[in-house]
C-alpha atoms as a PDB file:
ATOM      1  CA  MET A   1     -35.312  -2.074 -11.670  1.00  0.00           C
ATOM      2  CA  MET A   2     -32.842  -4.860 -10.973  1.00  0.00           C
ATOM      3  CA  LEU A   3     -30.604  -3.858 -13.932  1.00  0.00           C
ATOM      4  CA  LYS A   4     -30.469  -0.219 -12.562  1.00  0.00           C
ATOM      5  CA  GLN A   5     -29.311  -1.916  -9.341  1.00  0.00           C
ATOM      6  CA  ILE A   6     -26.152  -3.890 -10.902  1.00  0.00           C
ATOM      7  CA  LEU A   7     -25.241  -1.042 -13.137  1.00  0.00           C
ATOM      8  CA  PHE A   8     -25.122   1.428  -9.869  1.00  0.00           C
ATOM      9  CA  SER A   9     -22.892  -1.142  -8.096  1.00  0.00           C
ATOM     10  CA  LEU A  10     -20.824  -2.020 -10.579  1.00  0.00           C
ATOM     11  CA  PHE A  11     -20.414   1.820 -10.661  1.00  0.00           C
ATOM     12  CA  ALA A  12     -20.078   2.314  -7.374  1.00  0.00           C
ATOM     13  CA  LEU A  13     -17.000  -0.722  -7.339  1.00  0.00           C
ATOM     14  CA  SER A  14     -15.304   1.215  -9.757  1.00  0.00           C
ATOM     15  CA  LEU A  15     -15.045   4.623  -8.176  1.00  0.00           C
ATOM     16  CA  SER A  16     -13.800   2.708  -5.150  1.00  0.00           C
ATOM     17  CA  SER A  17     -11.542   0.798  -6.815  1.00  0.00           C
ATOM     18  CA  ALA A  18     -10.304   3.852  -8.347  1.00  0.00           C
ATOM     19  CA  ALA A  19     -10.043   5.764  -4.960  1.00  0.00           C
ATOM     20  CA  LEU A  20      -8.004   2.535  -3.743  1.00  0.00           C
ATOM     21  CA  ALA A  21      -5.486   2.520  -6.835  1.00  0.00           C
ATOM     22  CA  SER A  22      -4.605   6.680  -6.440  1.00  0.00           C
ATOM     23  CA  THR A  23      -3.625   6.492  -2.736  1.00  0.00           C
ATOM     24  CA  ASN A  24      -1.391   9.725  -2.182  1.00  0.00           C
ATOM     25  CA  CYS A  25       0.806  10.101   1.628  1.00  0.00           C
ATOM     26  CA  THR A  26       1.228  13.692   2.593  1.00  0.00           C
ATOM     27  CA  HIS A  27       4.666  15.002   1.195  1.00  0.00           C
ATOM     28  CA  TYR A  28       7.359  15.830   3.621  1.00  0.00           C
ATOM     29  CA  PRO A  29      10.988  17.297   3.704  1.00  0.00           C
ATOM     30  CA  GLU A  30      13.782  14.805   3.607  1.00  0.00           C
ATOM     31  CA  ASN A  31      14.855  15.869   7.140  1.00  0.00           C
ATOM     32  CA  GLU A  32      11.027  14.923   8.150  1.00  0.00           C
ATOM     33  CA  ARG A  33      11.051  11.320   6.603  1.00  0.00           C
ATOM     34  CA  ILE A  34      11.816   7.961   8.140  1.00  0.00           C
ATOM     35  CA  PRO A  35      15.310   7.114   6.133  1.00  0.00           C
ATOM     36  CA  ALA A  36      14.791   4.444   3.315  1.00  0.00           C
ATOM     37  CA  VAL A  37      17.127   1.961   5.006  1.00  0.00           C
ATOM     38  CA  LYS A  38      15.921   2.491   8.406  1.00  0.00           C
ATOM     39  CA  PHE A  39      12.671   1.673   7.236  1.00  0.00           C
ATOM     40  CA  GLN A  40      13.530  -1.200   5.558  1.00  0.00           C
ATOM     41  CA  GLN A  41      15.233  -2.579   8.384  1.00  0.00           C
ATOM     42  CA  ASN A  42      12.300  -2.026  10.839  1.00  0.00           C
ATOM     43  CA  LEU A  43      10.070  -4.078   8.401  1.00  0.00           C
ATOM     44  CA  GLU A  44      12.019  -7.396   8.285  1.00  0.00           C
ATOM     45  CA  LYS A  45      12.128  -6.985  12.466  1.00  0.00           C
ATOM     46  CA  GLN A  46       9.031  -7.158  12.285  1.00  0.00           C
ATOM     47  CA  GLY A  47       8.956 -10.285   9.854  1.00  0.00           C
ATOM     48  CA  TYR A  48       8.629  -8.848   6.561  1.00  0.00           C
ATOM     49  CA  LYS A  49      10.512 -10.430   3.467  1.00  0.00           C
ATOM     50  CA  ILE A  50      10.793  -7.550   1.102  1.00  0.00           C
ATOM     51  CA  HIS A  51      11.371  -8.065  -2.363  1.00  0.00           C
ATOM     52  CA  SER A  52      10.797  -4.630  -3.972  1.00  0.00           C
ATOM     53  CA  PHE A  53      10.928  -1.206  -2.148  1.00  0.00           C
ATOM     54  CA  ASP A  54       9.883   1.993  -3.803  1.00  0.00           C
ATOM     55  CA  THR A  55       8.368   5.467  -3.520  1.00  0.00           C
ATOM     56  CA  ASP A  56       5.125   6.247  -4.530  1.00  0.00           C
ATOM     57  CA  ASP A  57       2.938   9.038  -4.383  1.00  0.00           C
ATOM     58  CA  ASN A  58       5.030  10.447  -1.394  1.00  0.00           C
ATOM     59  CA  CYS A  59       4.530   6.733   0.296  1.00  0.00           C
ATOM     60  CA  TYR A  60       7.278   3.995   0.906  1.00  0.00           C
ATOM     61  CA  GLU A  61       5.812   1.284  -0.856  1.00  0.00           C
ATOM     62  CA  ILE A  62       6.705  -2.436  -0.543  1.00  0.00           C
ATOM     63  CA  GLU A  63       6.128  -5.806  -2.011  1.00  0.00           C
ATOM     64  CA  GLY A  64       7.016  -9.078  -0.583  1.00  0.00           C
ATOM     65  CA  ILE A  65       5.813 -11.238   2.087  1.00  0.00           C
ATOM     66  CA  ASN A  66       3.970  -9.843   5.259  1.00  0.00           C
ATOM     67  CA  PRO A  67       5.087 -11.524   8.919  1.00  0.00           C
ATOM     68  CA  LYS A  68       1.638 -13.995   8.136  1.00  0.00           C
ATOM     69  CA  GLY A  69       3.009 -15.268   5.145  1.00  0.00           C
ATOM     70  CA  GLU A  70       0.854 -13.766   2.659  1.00  0.00           C
ATOM     71  CA  ARG A  71       2.134 -11.934  -0.368  1.00  0.00           C
ATOM     72  CA  VAL A  72       1.128  -8.273   0.184  1.00  0.00           C
ATOM     73  CA  GLU A  73       1.576  -4.294  -1.958  1.00  0.00           C
ATOM     74  CA  VAL A  74       2.017  -2.143   1.347  1.00  0.00           C
ATOM     75  CA  LYS A  75       2.387   1.716   1.053  1.00  0.00           C
ATOM     76  CA  PHE A  76       3.672   3.137   4.394  1.00  0.00           C
ATOM     77  CA  ASP A  77       3.436   6.891   5.491  1.00  0.00           C
ATOM     78  CA  MET A  78       7.184   8.077   5.350  1.00  0.00           C
ATOM     79  CA  LYS A  79       6.999   9.968   8.550  1.00  0.00           C
ATOM     80  CA  THR A  80       5.282   7.963  11.036  1.00  0.00           C
ATOM     81  CA  GLY A  81       5.181   4.333   9.190  1.00  0.00           C
ATOM     82  CA  GLU A  82       1.957   3.915   9.448  1.00  0.00           C
ATOM     83  CA  VAL A  83       0.113   1.881   7.208  1.00  0.00           C
ATOM     84  CA  VAL A  84      -1.401   3.729   4.617  1.00  0.00           C
ATOM     85  CA  ARG A  85      -3.230   1.203   2.235  1.00  0.00           C
ATOM     86  CA  SER A  86      -2.299  -2.427   2.293  1.00  0.00           C
ATOM     87  CA  LYS A  87      -3.765  -5.146  -0.292  1.00  0.00           C
ATOM     88  CA  LEU A  88      -3.117  -9.149  -0.773  1.00  0.00           C
ATOM     89  CA  ASP A  89      -1.256  -9.590  -3.895  1.00  0.00           C
ATOM     90  CA  HIS A  90      -3.291 -12.642  -5.622  1.00  0.00           C
ATOM     91  CA  ASP A  91      -1.500 -11.703  -8.850  1.00  0.00           C
ATOM     92  CA  ASN A  92       2.011 -13.598  -8.499  1.00  0.00           C
ATOM     93  CA  HIS A  93       1.310 -16.939  -7.547  1.00  0.00           C
END
């Protein structure tokens, strides 16, 4: 019985991890998006130190240091600038 619960928990965890990895943002026409350069400048004004900036799954994606000094990977909506997904990056210390 306990083994079934453990296996189910591991299965549920793997599903949630897969869902997190495949975050997709809404596609917007170019004229509705915040321009990439302006978006990066706004993040830097907020205290982010950007190591890489890219577009992925219709999101702006950064890797860098957040205002708290933590290494992060963050995906943002290209039109609203809202955080779609954020995670601490423990891999690159």
